[in-house]
Amino acid sequence: MGMPMDAKAVAALLRRVARGRHGHEHLSMDEAEGILAALLEPDADPLQLGAFLIAQRMKGETAPELAGFVRAARNRVTGYGHIRAADGCVDLPCYAGKRRAAPMHLAAALEARDAGIPIFVHGVAHIEGRLSAWQALAAAGVARAGSLEQAQAVLRRDGIVYADLAELCPALFHIYGLRPKLGVRSFAHTVARLLNPLGCAGQLNGCFHTPYADRMAGANALLGQAHSLIFMGAEGEPELYAERQKLVAMQRGDDIRLLDLPDSGCDPYPKQRSGAEAMAARFAAILNGEMDARETATLARMRAAFRWAAGGELPADWVIMEV
């Protein structure tokens, strides 16, 4: 646990991370936890917050920094560490939304629920121009919980639940929502993905930019995550591609390996954008069993991922790459 920081201490760390491309320094995990803990306070200086977010964006976060940020955010989640998921529950962070193809990872989550695998989904309810996880799941009848206590109860009853970052961690949600003012994403997007509020042993986590797979897997190792898959996800969501999958990091404790997944031979992921309404209609059709070859292959791949995340075996055709 990092020591509480005042504005002067925050400024001292800001000087270290904001010295430009060749002069910056990375923070330790405790330092990262301490500075974000201070900046998550209601009376935090908004100038210092903005400066830190941009400085980190320019510098790039390390795995220890991400782990420290996650620890600070978890301390703001009511019930974290005391209210936990049952064995075999899979954490599914969904913070990107879909606008090019329907969310097959959510179709697979519903199927996993039906197979007895509890699924905890968290994200943000509205994503401009995209179909959010909540919009898709609400239409499928999934309940939304306003707290970890409610989420635990709904999971026991329904086997799947959605919780929103705005209710789980309002302070982190505030930073997440600063993107329009900053002009770029901040590390809050990555921290939200790593939050794992119910402490699920298994996690499926997508990223959009290649370097983040290694950083996120490293952060999970430092945070004591039991096992996770961190991969280049479709549109940034935790959805594996059915065709050539660019990057998959498998994290088990401190051990991180890269996986090679076979190409299904189906059509590539769509490039054309569609509106949220079109995505919602396609998702409804998928839940009724109307799937093309790519969607069918994606569902099969995500089915295997959920089984592994719940504590099952790694599929035989998912090859661990030599270091």
C-alpha atoms as a PDB file:
ATOM      1  CA  MET A   1       0.000   0.000   0.000  1.00  0.00           C
ATOM      2  CA  GLY A   2       1.451   3.354  -1.006  1.00  0.00           C
ATOM      3  CA  MET A   3       1.599   6.160   1.529  1.00  0.00           C
ATOM      4  CA  PRO A   4      -1.029   8.920   1.256  1.00  0.00           C
ATOM      5  CA  MET A   5       0.260  11.792  -0.853  1.00  0.00           C
ATOM      6  CA  ASP A   6      -0.341  15.521  -0.643  1.00  0.00           C
ATOM      7  CA  ALA A   7      -0.194  17.903  -3.602  1.00  0.00           C
ATOM      8  CA  LYS A   8       3.518  18.504  -3.084  1.00  0.00           C
ATOM      9  CA  ALA A   9       4.309  14.782  -3.223  1.00  0.00           C
ATOM     10  CA  VAL A  10       2.141  14.411  -6.331  1.00  0.00           C
ATOM     11  CA  ALA A  11       4.050  17.246  -7.989  1.00  0.00           C
ATOM     12  CA  ALA A  12       7.352  15.540  -7.213  1.00  0.00           C
ATOM     13  CA  LEU A  13       6.250  12.371  -9.007  1.00  0.00           C
ATOM     14  CA  LEU A  14       4.818  14.401 -11.862  1.00  0.00           C
ATOM     15  CA  ARG A  15       8.242  15.925 -12.451  1.00  0.00           C
ATOM     16  CA  ARG A  16       9.679  12.438 -12.870  1.00  0.00           C
ATOM     17  CA  VAL A  17       7.134  11.109 -15.364  1.00  0.00           C
ATOM     18  CA  ALA A  18       6.702  14.309 -17.399  1.00  0.00           C
ATOM     19  CA  ARG A  19      10.301  15.013 -18.440  1.00  0.00           C
ATOM     20  CA  GLY A  20       9.791  14.008 -22.030  1.00  0.00           C
ATOM     21  CA  ARG A  21      10.810  11.075 -24.174  1.00  0.00           C
ATOM     22  CA  HIS A  22      14.402  10.785 -22.976  1.00  0.00           C
ATOM     23  CA  GLY A  23      14.171  12.190 -19.466  1.00  0.00           C
ATOM     24  CA  HIS A  24      11.135  10.485 -17.943  1.00  0.00           C
ATOM     25  CA  GLU A  25      11.273   7.893 -15.184  1.00  0.00           C
ATOM     26  CA  HIS A  26       8.883   5.041 -14.466  1.00  0.00           C
ATOM     27  CA  LEU A  27       7.198   4.768 -11.086  1.00  0.00           C
ATOM     28  CA  SER A  28       7.347   1.811  -8.734  1.00  0.00           C
ATOM     29  CA  MET A  29       4.130  -0.070  -8.035  1.00  0.00           C
ATOM     30  CA  ASP A  30       3.772   1.607  -4.628  1.00  0.00           C
ATOM     31  CA  GLU A  31       4.443   5.059  -6.078  1.00  0.00           C
ATOM     32  CA  ALA A  32       1.868   4.480  -8.805  1.00  0.00           C
ATOM     33  CA  GLU A  33      -0.682   3.353  -6.246  1.00  0.00           C
ATOM     34  CA  GLY A  34       0.018   6.340  -4.036  1.00  0.00           C
ATOM     35  CA  ILE A  35      -0.261   9.010  -6.716  1.00  0.00           C
ATOM     36  CA  LEU A  36      -3.462   7.596  -8.217  1.00  0.00           C
ATOM     37  CA  ALA A  37      -4.959   7.183  -4.752  1.00  0.00           C
ATOM     38  CA  ALA A  38      -4.372  10.907  -4.208  1.00  0.00           C
ATOM     39  CA  LEU A  39      -5.756  11.836  -7.628  1.00  0.00           C
ATOM     40  CA  LEU A  40      -8.892   9.742  -7.084  1.00  0.00           C
ATOM     41  CA  GLU A  41      -9.817  11.843  -4.061  1.00  0.00           C
ATOM     42  CA  PRO A  42     -12.763  14.242  -4.562  1.00  0.00           C
ATOM     43  CA  ASP A  43     -10.590  17.254  -3.714  1.00  0.00           C
ATOM     44  CA  ALA A  44      -7.722  16.267  -6.033  1.00  0.00           C
ATOM     45  CA  ASP A  45      -6.292  19.120  -8.104  1.00  0.00           C
ATOM     46  CA  PRO A  46      -7.805  18.743 -11.613  1.00  0.00           C
ATOM     47  CA  LEU A  47      -4.690  20.340 -13.151  1.00  0.00           C
ATOM     48  CA  GLN A  48      -2.450  17.722 -11.542  1.00  0.00           C
ATOM     49  CA  LEU A  49      -4.830  14.954 -12.622  1.00  0.00           C
ATOM     50  CA  GLY A  50      -4.868  16.112 -16.241  1.00  0.00           C
ATOM     51  CA  ALA A  51      -1.108  16.589 -16.293  1.00  0.00           C
ATOM     52  CA  PHE A  52      -0.518  13.111 -14.915  1.00  0.00           C
ATOM     53  CA  LEU A  53      -2.890  11.441 -17.370  1.00  0.00           C
ATOM     54  CA  ILE A  54      -1.229  13.116 -20.359  1.00  0.00           C
ATOM     55  CA  ALA A  55       2.285  12.492 -19.036  1.00  0.00           C
ATOM     56  CA  GLN A  56       1.547   8.795 -18.624  1.00  0.00           C
ATOM     57  CA  ARG A  57      -0.033   8.691 -22.062  1.00  0.00           C
ATOM     58  CA  MET A  58       3.123  10.160 -23.591  1.00  0.00           C
ATOM     59  CA  LYS A  59       5.485   7.968 -21.539  1.00  0.00           C
ATOM     60  CA  GLY A  60       3.537   4.719 -21.657  1.00  0.00           C
ATOM     61  CA  GLU A  61       2.573   2.720 -18.581  1.00  0.00           C
ATOM     62  CA  THR A  62       4.657  -0.170 -17.299  1.00  0.00           C
ATOM     63  CA  ALA A  63       3.264  -3.357 -15.773  1.00  0.00           C
ATOM     64  CA  PRO A  64       4.214  -2.262 -12.189  1.00  0.00           C
ATOM     65  CA  GLU A  65       2.566   1.125 -12.757  1.00  0.00           C
ATOM     66  CA  LEU A  66      -0.628  -0.507 -14.049  1.00  0.00           C
ATOM     67  CA  ALA A  67      -0.648  -2.860 -11.072  1.00  0.00           C
ATOM     68  CA  GLY A  68      -0.292   0.089  -8.698  1.00  0.00           C
ATOM     69  CA  PHE A  69      -3.088   1.978 -10.440  1.00  0.00           C
ATOM     70  CA  VAL A  70      -5.355  -1.077 -10.181  1.00  0.00           C
ATOM     71  CA  ARG A  71      -4.640  -1.433  -6.464  1.00  0.00           C
ATOM     72  CA  ALA A  72      -5.565   2.223  -5.923  1.00  0.00           C
ATOM     73  CA  ALA A  73      -8.814   1.811  -7.876  1.00  0.00           C
ATOM     74  CA  ARG A  74      -9.731  -1.409  -6.079  1.00  0.00           C
ATOM     75  CA  ASN A  75      -9.470   0.419  -2.785  1.00  0.00           C
ATOM     76  CA  ARG A  76     -12.314   2.642  -4.001  1.00  0.00           C
ATOM     77  CA  VAL A  77     -14.617  -0.314  -4.819  1.00  0.00           C
ATOM     78  CA  THR A  78     -16.969  -0.974  -1.913  1.00  0.00           C
ATOM     79  CA  GLY A  79     -16.629  -4.557  -0.767  1.00  0.00           C
ATOM     80  CA  TYR A  80     -13.561  -5.401  -2.817  1.00  0.00           C
ATOM     81  CA  GLY A  81     -11.676  -8.306  -1.237  1.00  0.00           C
ATOM     82  CA  HIS A  82     -14.608  -9.207   1.002  1.00  0.00           C
ATOM     83  CA  ILE A  83     -17.287 -10.001  -1.580  1.00  0.00           C
ATOM     84  CA  ARG A  84     -15.894 -12.523  -4.028  1.00  0.00           C
ATOM     85  CA  ALA A  85     -17.087 -14.669  -6.901  1.00  0.00           C
ATOM     86  CA  ALA A  86     -17.606 -18.392  -6.595  1.00  0.00           C
ATOM     87  CA  ASP A  87     -14.995 -20.821  -7.906  1.00  0.00           C
ATOM     88  CA  GLY A  88     -14.938 -21.045 -11.676  1.00  0.00           C
ATOM     89  CA  CYS A  89     -16.375 -17.568 -12.263  1.00  0.00           C
ATOM     90  CA  VAL A  90     -14.857 -15.723 -15.222  1.00  0.00           C
ATOM     91  CA  ASP A  91     -14.182 -11.980 -15.223  1.00  0.00           C
ATOM     92  CA  LEU A  92     -15.153 -10.413 -18.578  1.00  0.00           C
ATOM     93  CA  PRO A  93     -14.302  -6.686 -18.866  1.00  0.00           C
ATOM     94  CA  CYS A  94     -16.088  -5.059 -21.819  1.00  0.00           C
ATOM     95  CA  TYR A  95     -15.101  -1.413 -22.322  1.00  0.00           C
ATOM     96  CA  ALA A  96     -14.825  -0.979 -26.097  1.00  0.00           C
ATOM     97  CA  GLY A  97     -18.195  -1.899 -27.607  1.00  0.00           C
ATOM     98  CA  LYS A  98     -18.861  -3.084 -31.157  1.00  0.00           C
ATOM     99  CA  ARG A  99     -19.590  -1.271 -34.432  1.00  0.00           C
ATOM    100  CA  ARG A 100     -18.258  -3.647 -37.110  1.00  0.00           C
ATOM    101  CA  ALA A 101     -19.575  -7.046 -36.045  1.00  0.00           C
ATOM    102  CA  ALA A 102     -21.913  -8.389 -33.387  1.00  0.00           C
ATOM    103  CA  PRO A 103     -20.453  -9.286 -29.964  1.00  0.00           C
ATOM    104  CA  MET A 104     -19.739 -12.997 -30.243  1.00  0.00           C
ATOM    105  CA  HIS A 105     -17.915 -12.906 -26.908  1.00  0.00           C
ATOM    106  CA  LEU A 106     -21.240 -12.078 -25.257  1.00  0.00           C
ATOM    107  CA  ALA A 107     -23.046 -14.823 -27.160  1.00  0.00           C
ATOM    108  CA  ALA A 108     -20.334 -17.172 -25.888  1.00  0.00           C
ATOM    109  CA  ALA A 109     -20.730 -15.792 -22.355  1.00  0.00           C
ATOM    110  CA  LEU A 110     -24.432 -16.607 -22.406  1.00  0.00           C
ATOM    111  CA  GLU A 111     -23.648 -20.085 -23.683  1.00  0.00           C
ATOM    112  CA  ALA A 112     -21.024 -20.529 -20.954  1.00  0.00           C
ATOM    113  CA  ARG A 113     -23.613 -19.466 -18.382  1.00  0.00           C
ATOM    114  CA  ASP A 114     -25.934 -22.166 -19.695  1.00  0.00           C
ATOM    115  CA  ALA A 115     -23.077 -24.680 -19.344  1.00  0.00           C
ATOM    116  CA  GLY A 116     -22.659 -23.805 -15.655  1.00  0.00           C
ATOM    117  CA  ILE A 117     -19.792 -21.291 -15.882  1.00  0.00           C
ATOM    118  CA  PRO A 118     -20.586 -18.089 -13.905  1.00  0.00           C
ATOM    119  CA  ILE A 119     -19.747 -14.907 -15.835  1.00  0.00           C
ATOM    120  CA  PHE A 120     -19.144 -11.470 -14.321  1.00  0.00           C
ATOM    121  CA  VAL A 121     -19.321  -8.751 -16.988  1.00  0.00           C
ATOM    122  CA  HIS A 122     -18.377  -5.149 -16.267  1.00  0.00           C
ATOM    123  CA  GLY A 123     -18.072  -2.118 -18.488  1.00  0.00           C
ATOM    124  CA  VAL A 124     -19.713   1.225 -19.258  1.00  0.00           C
ATOM    125  CA  ALA A 125     -23.342   1.436 -20.284  1.00  0.00           C
ATOM    126  CA  HIS A 126     -23.009   3.850 -23.202  1.00  0.00           C
ATOM    127  CA  ILE A 127     -20.224   4.021 -25.787  1.00  0.00           C
ATOM    128  CA  GLU A 128     -20.772   6.594 -28.515  1.00  0.00           C
ATOM    129  CA  GLY A 129     -21.474   5.001 -31.895  1.00  0.00           C
ATOM    130  CA  ARG A 130     -21.070   1.453 -30.618  1.00  0.00           C
ATOM    131  CA  LEU A 131     -23.171  -1.325 -29.124  1.00  0.00           C
ATOM    132  CA  SER A 132     -22.060  -1.621 -25.502  1.00  0.00           C
ATOM    133  CA  ALA A 133     -22.005  -4.877 -23.572  1.00  0.00           C
ATOM    134  CA  TRP A 134     -24.800  -3.629 -21.333  1.00  0.00           C
ATOM    135  CA  GLN A 135     -27.047  -2.755 -24.270  1.00  0.00           C
ATOM    136  CA  ALA A 136     -26.563  -6.220 -25.754  1.00  0.00           C
ATOM    137  CA  LEU A 137     -26.942  -8.099 -22.482  1.00  0.00           C
ATOM    138  CA  ALA A 138     -29.959  -6.082 -21.317  1.00  0.00           C
ATOM    139  CA  ALA A 139     -31.780  -7.062 -24.502  1.00  0.00           C
ATOM    140  CA  ALA A 140     -30.905 -10.687 -23.726  1.00  0.00           C
ATOM    141  CA  GLY A 141     -32.476 -10.421 -20.260  1.00  0.00           C
ATOM    142  CA  VAL A 142     -29.291 -10.180 -18.189  1.00  0.00           C
ATOM    143  CA  ALA A 143     -29.672  -8.330 -14.883  1.00  0.00           C
ATOM    144  CA  ARG A 144     -27.571  -5.342 -13.862  1.00  0.00           C
ATOM    145  CA  ALA A 145     -26.166  -5.057 -10.350  1.00  0.00           C
ATOM    146  CA  GLY A 146     -25.432  -1.755  -8.631  1.00  0.00           C
ATOM    147  CA  SER A 147     -22.921  -3.146  -6.144  1.00  0.00           C
ATOM    148  CA  LEU A 148     -20.667  -6.145  -5.580  1.00  0.00           C
ATOM    149  CA  GLU A 149     -23.122  -7.493  -3.024  1.00  0.00           C
ATOM    150  CA  GLN A 150     -25.930  -7.388  -5.571  1.00  0.00           C
ATOM    151  CA  ALA A 151     -23.654  -8.864  -8.244  1.00  0.00           C
ATOM    152  CA  GLN A 152     -22.802 -11.814  -6.022  1.00  0.00           C
ATOM    153  CA  ALA A 153     -26.496 -12.479  -5.370  1.00  0.00           C
ATOM    154  CA  VAL A 154     -27.448 -12.209  -9.058  1.00  0.00           C
ATOM    155  CA  LEU A 155     -24.586 -14.513 -10.038  1.00  0.00           C
ATOM    156  CA  ARG A 156     -25.853 -17.165  -7.646  1.00  0.00           C
ATOM    157  CA  ARG A 157     -29.345 -16.820  -9.081  1.00  0.00           C
ATOM    158  CA  ASP A 158     -28.723 -16.304 -12.797  1.00  0.00           C
ATOM    159  CA  GLY A 159     -25.163 -17.407 -13.474  1.00  0.00           C
ATOM    160  CA  ILE A 160     -24.345 -14.126 -15.247  1.00  0.00           C
ATOM    161  CA  VAL A 161     -24.488 -10.473 -14.208  1.00  0.00           C
ATOM    162  CA  TYR A 162     -23.484  -7.058 -15.526  1.00  0.00           C
ATOM    163  CA  ALA A 163     -22.057  -4.286 -13.323  1.00  0.00           C
ATOM    164  CA  ASP A 164     -21.176  -0.770 -14.482  1.00  0.00           C
ATOM    165  CA  LEU A 165     -17.961   1.079 -13.711  1.00  0.00           C
ATOM    166  CA  ALA A 166     -20.011   4.171 -12.847  1.00  0.00           C
ATOM    167  CA  GLU A 167     -21.459   2.304  -9.867  1.00  0.00           C
ATOM    168  CA  LEU A 168     -18.524   0.043  -9.003  1.00  0.00           C
ATOM    169  CA  CYS A 169     -15.884   2.781  -8.902  1.00  0.00           C
ATOM    170  CA  PRO A 170     -17.249   6.296  -9.551  1.00  0.00           C
ATOM    171  CA  ALA A 171     -13.829   7.892  -9.078  1.00  0.00           C
ATOM    172  CA  LEU A 172     -12.250   5.761 -11.821  1.00  0.00           C
ATOM    173  CA  PHE A 173     -15.317   6.264 -14.012  1.00  0.00           C
ATOM    174  CA  HIS A 174     -14.756  10.024 -13.714  1.00  0.00           C
ATOM    175  CA  ILE A 175     -11.228   9.658 -15.090  1.00  0.00           C
ATOM    176  CA  TYR A 176     -12.460   7.243 -17.764  1.00  0.00           C
ATOM    177  CA  GLY A 177     -14.951   9.873 -18.877  1.00  0.00           C
ATOM    178  CA  LEU A 178     -12.317  12.588 -19.361  1.00  0.00           C
ATOM    179  CA  ARG A 179     -11.356  11.337 -22.818  1.00  0.00           C
ATOM    180  CA  PRO A 180     -13.383  14.006 -24.705  1.00  0.00           C
ATOM    181  CA  LYS A 181     -11.572  16.736 -22.757  1.00  0.00           C
ATOM    182  CA  LEU A 182      -8.131  15.137 -23.006  1.00  0.00           C
ATOM    183  CA  GLY A 183      -8.508  14.223 -26.669  1.00  0.00           C
ATOM    184  CA  VAL A 184      -6.944  10.779 -26.092  1.00  0.00           C
ATOM    185  CA  ARG A 185      -7.565   7.712 -23.987  1.00  0.00           C
ATOM    186  CA  SER A 186      -5.901   7.506 -20.601  1.00  0.00           C
ATOM    187  CA  PHE A 187      -4.673   4.578 -18.558  1.00  0.00           C
ATOM    188  CA  ALA A 188      -8.107   4.511 -16.881  1.00  0.00           C
ATOM    189  CA  HIS A 189      -9.341   2.375 -19.778  1.00  0.00           C
ATOM    190  CA  THR A 190      -6.681  -0.258 -19.083  1.00  0.00           C
ATOM    191  CA  VAL A 191      -7.117  -0.065 -15.312  1.00  0.00           C
ATOM    192  CA  ALA A 192     -10.862  -0.659 -15.680  1.00  0.00           C
ATOM    193  CA  ARG A 193     -10.139  -3.763 -17.752  1.00  0.00           C
ATOM    194  CA  LEU A 194      -7.796  -5.102 -15.046  1.00  0.00           C
ATOM    195  CA  LEU A 195     -10.043  -4.174 -12.126  1.00  0.00           C
ATOM    196  CA  ASN A 196     -11.583  -7.661 -11.657  1.00  0.00           C
ATOM    197  CA  PRO A 197     -13.878  -6.360  -8.884  1.00  0.00           C
ATOM    198  CA  LEU A 198     -15.119  -9.776  -7.715  1.00  0.00           C
ATOM    199  CA  GLY A 199     -11.684 -11.359  -7.659  1.00  0.00           C
ATOM    200  CA  CYS A 200     -12.495 -14.020 -10.252  1.00  0.00           C
ATOM    201  CA  ALA A 201      -9.702 -16.577 -10.632  1.00  0.00           C
ATOM    202  CA  GLY A 202     -10.072 -16.576 -14.422  1.00  0.00           C
ATOM    203  CA  GLN A 203     -10.151 -13.572 -16.726  1.00  0.00           C
ATOM    204  CA  LEU A 204     -10.547 -12.998 -20.471  1.00  0.00           C
ATOM    205  CA  ASN A 205      -9.256  -9.559 -21.393  1.00  0.00           C
ATOM    206  CA  GLY A 206      -8.963  -7.808 -24.729  1.00  0.00           C
ATOM    207  CA  CYS A 207      -6.741  -4.926 -25.764  1.00  0.00           C
ATOM    208  CA  PHE A 208      -6.465  -2.852 -28.928  1.00  0.00           C
ATOM    209  CA  HIS A 209      -2.764  -2.002 -29.096  1.00  0.00           C
ATOM    210  CA  THR A 210      -0.129  -4.752 -29.231  1.00  0.00           C
ATOM    211  CA  PRO A 211       2.212  -3.557 -26.419  1.00  0.00           C
ATOM    212  CA  TYR A 212      -0.598  -3.648 -23.877  1.00  0.00           C
ATOM    213  CA  ALA A 213      -0.995  -7.421 -23.972  1.00  0.00           C
ATOM    214  CA  ASP A 214       2.406  -7.896 -22.341  1.00  0.00           C
ATOM    215  CA  ARG A 215       1.922  -4.996 -19.906  1.00  0.00           C
ATOM    216  CA  MET A 216      -1.523  -6.179 -18.835  1.00  0.00           C
ATOM    217  CA  ALA A 217      -0.375  -9.770 -18.404  1.00  0.00           C
ATOM    218  CA  GLY A 218       2.552  -8.522 -16.341  1.00  0.00           C
ATOM    219  CA  ALA A 219       0.263  -6.394 -14.194  1.00  0.00           C
ATOM    220  CA  ASN A 220      -1.998  -9.391 -13.606  1.00  0.00           C
ATOM    221  CA  ALA A 221       1.000 -11.423 -12.475  1.00  0.00           C
ATOM    222  CA  LEU A 222       2.006  -8.687 -10.017  1.00  0.00           C
ATOM    223  CA  LEU A 223      -1.574  -8.457  -8.746  1.00  0.00           C
ATOM    224  CA  GLY A 224      -1.728 -12.181  -7.999  1.00  0.00           C
ATOM    225  CA  GLN A 225      -4.271 -13.005 -10.706  1.00  0.00           C
ATOM    226  CA  ALA A 226      -4.576 -16.800 -10.888  1.00  0.00           C
ATOM    227  CA  HIS A 227      -4.853 -17.050 -14.665  1.00  0.00           C
ATOM    228  CA  SER A 228      -5.882 -14.906 -17.590  1.00  0.00           C
ATOM    229  CA  LEU A 229      -5.776 -14.575 -21.358  1.00  0.00           C
ATOM    230  CA  ILE A 230      -4.801 -11.115 -22.586  1.00  0.00           C
ATOM    231  CA  PHE A 231      -5.133 -10.726 -26.329  1.00  0.00           C
ATOM    232  CA  MET A 232      -5.608  -8.423 -29.273  1.00  0.00           C
ATOM    233  CA  GLY A 233      -9.386  -8.445 -29.226  1.00  0.00           C
ATOM    234  CA  ALA A 234     -11.923  -7.697 -31.931  1.00  0.00           C
ATOM    235  CA  GLU A 235     -12.421  -3.916 -31.774  1.00  0.00           C
ATOM    236  CA  GLY A 236     -10.684  -3.968 -28.391  1.00  0.00           C
ATOM    237  CA  GLU A 237     -13.239  -6.262 -26.762  1.00  0.00           C
ATOM    238  CA  PRO A 238     -12.378  -9.643 -25.139  1.00  0.00           C
ATOM    239  CA  GLU A 239     -13.270 -11.503 -28.332  1.00  0.00           C
ATOM    240  CA  LEU A 240     -10.767 -13.723 -30.107  1.00  0.00           C
ATOM    241  CA  TYR A 241     -10.595 -13.602 -33.873  1.00  0.00           C
ATOM    242  CA  ALA A 242     -11.602 -16.780 -35.692  1.00  0.00           C
ATOM    243  CA  GLU A 243      -9.103 -16.078 -38.462  1.00  0.00           C
ATOM    244  CA  ARG A 244      -5.467 -15.273 -37.751  1.00  0.00           C
ATOM    245  CA  GLN A 245      -5.161 -14.155 -34.112  1.00  0.00           C
ATOM    246  CA  LYS A 246      -2.359 -11.599 -33.785  1.00  0.00           C
ATOM    247  CA  LEU A 247      -1.392 -11.940 -30.133  1.00  0.00           C
ATOM    248  CA  VAL A 248      -2.500 -14.020 -27.142  1.00  0.00           C
ATOM    249  CA  ALA A 249      -0.667 -13.873 -23.812  1.00  0.00           C
ATOM    250  CA  MET A 250      -1.501 -16.653 -21.366  1.00  0.00           C
ATOM    251  CA  GLN A 251      -0.824 -15.675 -17.750  1.00  0.00           C
ATOM    252  CA  ARG A 252      -0.787 -18.272 -14.995  1.00  0.00           C
ATOM    253  CA  GLY A 253       0.552 -16.845 -11.757  1.00  0.00           C
ATOM    254  CA  ASP A 254       3.985 -15.413 -12.544  1.00  0.00           C
ATOM    255  CA  ASP A 255       4.297 -17.441 -15.738  1.00  0.00           C
ATOM    256  CA  ILE A 256       3.438 -15.638 -18.984  1.00  0.00           C
ATOM    257  CA  ARG A 257       3.548 -17.418 -22.342  1.00  0.00           C
ATOM    258  CA  LEU A 258       2.451 -16.544 -25.854  1.00  0.00           C
ATOM    259  CA  LEU A 259      -0.032 -18.805 -27.618  1.00  0.00           C
ATOM    260  CA  ASP A 260      -0.397 -19.611 -31.287  1.00  0.00           C
ATOM    261  CA  LEU A 261      -4.004 -20.228 -32.338  1.00  0.00           C
ATOM    262  CA  PRO A 262      -4.861 -21.888 -35.652  1.00  0.00           C
ATOM    263  CA  ASP A 263      -6.581 -19.995 -38.447  1.00  0.00           C
ATOM    264  CA  SER A 264     -10.122 -21.269 -38.917  1.00  0.00           C
ATOM    265  CA  GLY A 265     -10.022 -20.512 -42.630  1.00  0.00           C
ATOM    266  CA  CYS A 266     -13.190 -18.421 -42.490  1.00  0.00           C
ATOM    267  CA  ASP A 267     -13.747 -14.923 -43.854  1.00  0.00           C
ATOM    268  CA  PRO A 268     -11.813 -12.121 -42.110  1.00  0.00           C
ATOM    269  CA  TYR A 269     -13.368  -9.831 -39.541  1.00  0.00           C
ATOM    270  CA  PRO A 270     -15.560  -7.147 -41.184  1.00  0.00           C
ATOM    271  CA  LYS A 271     -13.963  -3.768 -41.895  1.00  0.00           C
ATOM    272  CA  GLN A 272     -17.130  -1.806 -42.620  1.00  0.00           C
ATOM    273  CA  ARG A 273     -18.693   0.032 -39.704  1.00  0.00           C
ATOM    274  CA  SER A 274     -22.349  -0.330 -38.783  1.00  0.00           C
ATOM    275  CA  GLY A 275     -24.511   1.458 -36.238  1.00  0.00           C
ATOM    276  CA  ALA A 276     -25.410   0.200 -32.788  1.00  0.00           C
ATOM    277  CA  GLU A 277     -28.931  -0.655 -33.915  1.00  0.00           C
ATOM    278  CA  ALA A 278     -27.634  -2.899 -36.692  1.00  0.00           C
ATOM    279  CA  MET A 279     -25.288  -4.609 -34.237  1.00  0.00           C
ATOM    280  CA  ALA A 280     -28.151  -5.160 -31.788  1.00  0.00           C
ATOM    281  CA  ALA A 281     -30.329  -6.691 -34.497  1.00  0.00           C
ATOM    282  CA  ARG A 282     -27.536  -8.990 -35.607  1.00  0.00           C
ATOM    283  CA  PHE A 283     -26.852 -10.044 -32.001  1.00  0.00           C
ATOM    284  CA  ALA A 284     -30.522 -10.957 -31.557  1.00  0.00           C
ATOM    285  CA  ALA A 285     -30.369 -13.067 -34.720  1.00  0.00           C
ATOM    286  CA  ILE A 286     -27.242 -14.821 -33.448  1.00  0.00           C
ATOM    287  CA  LEU A 287     -28.953 -15.688 -30.182  1.00  0.00           C
ATOM    288  CA  ASN A 288     -31.679 -17.276 -32.305  1.00  0.00           C
ATOM    289  CA  GLY A 289     -29.084 -19.476 -33.967  1.00  0.00           C
ATOM    290  CA  GLU A 290     -28.590 -17.512 -37.207  1.00  0.00           C
ATOM    291  CA  MET A 291     -24.813 -17.500 -37.640  1.00  0.00           C
ATOM    292  CA  ASP A 292     -22.477 -17.378 -40.603  1.00  0.00           C
ATOM    293  CA  ALA A 293     -19.239 -19.368 -40.793  1.00  0.00           C
ATOM    294  CA  ARG A 294     -17.090 -16.683 -39.156  1.00  0.00           C
ATOM    295  CA  GLU A 295     -19.513 -16.196 -36.293  1.00  0.00           C
ATOM    296  CA  THR A 296     -19.773 -19.950 -35.757  1.00  0.00           C
ATOM    297  CA  ALA A 297     -15.989 -20.287 -35.666  1.00  0.00           C
ATOM    298  CA  THR A 298     -15.669 -17.331 -33.296  1.00  0.00           C
ATOM    299  CA  LEU A 299     -18.254 -18.806 -30.957  1.00  0.00           C
ATOM    300  CA  ALA A 300     -16.347 -22.094 -30.880  1.00  0.00           C
ATOM    301  CA  ARG A 301     -13.072 -20.304 -30.126  1.00  0.00           C
ATOM    302  CA  MET A 302     -14.633 -18.233 -27.333  1.00  0.00           C
ATOM    303  CA  ARG A 303     -16.337 -21.345 -25.950  1.00  0.00           C
ATOM    304  CA  ALA A 304     -12.901 -22.912 -25.521  1.00  0.00           C
ATOM    305  CA  ALA A 305     -11.540 -19.717 -23.944  1.00  0.00           C
ATOM    306  CA  PHE A 306     -14.313 -19.613 -21.337  1.00  0.00           C
ATOM    307  CA  ARG A 307     -13.737 -23.252 -20.456  1.00  0.00           C
ATOM    308  CA  TRP A 308     -10.021 -22.591 -19.939  1.00  0.00           C
ATOM    309  CA  ALA A 309     -10.680 -19.443 -17.900  1.00  0.00           C
ATOM    310  CA  ALA A 310     -13.069 -21.390 -15.657  1.00  0.00           C
ATOM    311  CA  GLY A 311     -10.295 -23.833 -14.837  1.00  0.00           C
ATOM    312  CA  GLY A 312     -10.413 -26.235 -17.762  1.00  0.00           C
ATOM    313  CA  GLU A 313      -7.733 -27.523 -20.083  1.00  0.00           C
ATOM    314  CA  LEU A 314      -6.027 -25.546 -22.803  1.00  0.00           C
ATOM    315  CA  PRO A 315      -7.384 -26.630 -26.214  1.00  0.00           C
ATOM    316  CA  ALA A 316      -5.050 -29.110 -27.931  1.00  0.00           C
ATOM    317  CA  ASP A 317      -4.645 -26.904 -31.016  1.00  0.00           C
ATOM    318  CA  TRP A 318      -3.663 -23.819 -28.993  1.00  0.00           C
ATOM    319  CA  VAL A 319       0.110 -24.099 -29.077  1.00  0.00           C
ATOM    320  CA  ILE A 320       2.388 -22.586 -26.423  1.00  0.00           C
ATOM    321  CA  MET A 321       5.123 -20.768 -28.338  1.00  0.00           C
ATOM    322  CA  GLU A 322       8.785 -21.263 -27.502  1.00  0.00           C
ATOM    323  CA  VAL A 323      10.416 -18.327 -25.732  1.00  0.00           C
END
